[in-house]
Amino acid sequence: MKTVQMTLDEDLVKAVDKAAKRLGTTRSGFARDALRSAIRKVQMMELERRHREGYRRKPVKHGEFSDWESEQVWVE
């Protein structure tokens, strides 16, 4: 692991410390988990952007997925 220095406002530090205590972890552990979660969110946003771009460039054609309609289960 590598030690890094961060500048945070006091209210954020207090909130992080309170959340870390409730979760039974350290400030560093909480920050690592939060950063991993933020990175996953950024990656998901990029995949969604690429997905939208793909459908924008090549829209679904009418009836393109109709062969699968009989396989769908609709729960009411």
Protein backbone atom coordinates (compact mmCIF):
# COMPACT_ATOMS: atom_id res chain seq x y z
CA MET A 1 0.00 0.00 0.00
CA LYS A 2 0.97 3.57 -0.49
CA THR A 3 0.32 6.43 1.92
CA VAL A 4 -1.30 9.51 0.37
CA GLN A 5 -2.19 12.86 1.85
CA MET A 6 -5.60 14.41 1.25
CA THR A 7 -7.15 17.73 2.23
CA LEU A 8 -10.75 17.46 3.45
CA ASP A 9 -13.02 19.93 5.19
CA GLU A 10 -13.71 19.32 8.88
CA ASP A 11 -17.38 18.38 8.39
CA LEU A 12 -16.44 15.70 5.89
CA VAL A 13 -13.76 14.27 8.19
CA LYS A 14 -16.29 14.11 11.04
CA ALA A 15 -18.85 12.39 8.82
CA VAL A 16 -16.26 9.89 7.57
CA ASP A 17 -15.08 9.13 11.09
CA LYS A 18 -18.67 8.61 12.27
CA ALA A 19 -19.49 6.32 9.33
CA ALA A 20 -16.24 4.38 9.73
CA LYS A 21 -16.95 3.82 13.41
CA ARG A 22 -20.48 2.57 12.67
CA LEU A 23 -19.06 0.17 10.09
CA GLY A 24 -16.26 -0.99 12.37
CA THR A 25 -13.51 0.14 10.05
CA THR A 26 -10.86 2.83 9.95
CA ARG A 27 -10.87 6.15 8.18
CA SER A 28 -8.44 4.72 5.63
CA GLY A 29 -10.52 1.57 5.15
CA PHE A 30 -13.64 3.64 4.68
CA ALA A 31 -11.86 5.87 2.15
CA ARG A 32 -10.54 2.86 0.22
CA ASP A 33 -14.04 1.36 -0.01
CA ALA A 34 -15.54 4.72 -1.03
CA LEU A 35 -12.90 5.25 -3.71
CA ARG A 36 -13.39 1.73 -5.09
CA SER A 37 -17.14 2.35 -5.20
CA ALA A 38 -16.63 5.67 -7.00
CA ILE A 39 -14.33 4.01 -9.55
CA ARG A 40 -16.95 1.29 -10.22
CA LYS A 41 -19.56 4.04 -10.70
CA VAL A 42 -17.33 5.87 -13.21
CA GLN A 43 -16.72 2.59 -15.08
CA MET A 44 -20.46 1.84 -15.16
CA MET A 45 -21.21 5.33 -16.43
CA GLU A 46 -18.66 4.83 -19.22
CA LEU A 47 -20.19 1.47 -20.19
CA GLU A 48 -23.66 3.05 -20.25
CA ARG A 49 -22.37 5.93 -22.38
CA ARG A 50 -20.83 3.46 -24.84
CA HIS A 51 -24.06 1.44 -24.87
CA ARG A 52 -26.13 4.56 -25.66
CA GLU A 53 -23.65 5.58 -28.35
CA GLY A 54 -23.86 2.14 -29.94
CA TYR A 55 -27.66 2.26 -30.09
CA ARG A 56 -27.50 5.84 -31.38
CA ARG A 57 -25.22 4.74 -34.22
CA LYS A 58 -27.16 1.54 -34.90
CA PRO A 59 -30.73 1.78 -33.60
CA VAL A 60 -32.82 -1.33 -32.99
CA LYS A 61 -34.87 -2.23 -36.05
CA HIS A 62 -38.57 -3.01 -35.79
CA GLY A 63 -38.99 -6.71 -35.03
CA GLU A 64 -35.29 -7.24 -34.38
CA PHE A 65 -35.96 -8.99 -31.07
CA SER A 66 -39.42 -10.38 -31.77
CA ASP A 67 -38.10 -13.96 -31.85
CA TRP A 68 -37.46 -13.65 -28.10
CA GLU A 69 -40.92 -12.33 -27.14
CA SER A 70 -42.29 -15.83 -26.52
CA GLU A 71 -39.42 -16.45 -24.07
CA GLN A 72 -40.23 -13.45 -21.89
CA VAL A 73 -41.99 -13.94 -18.57
CA TRP A 74 -44.05 -10.99 -17.37
CA VAL A 75 -44.81 -11.03 -13.67
CA GLU A 76 -47.81 -9.05 -12.55
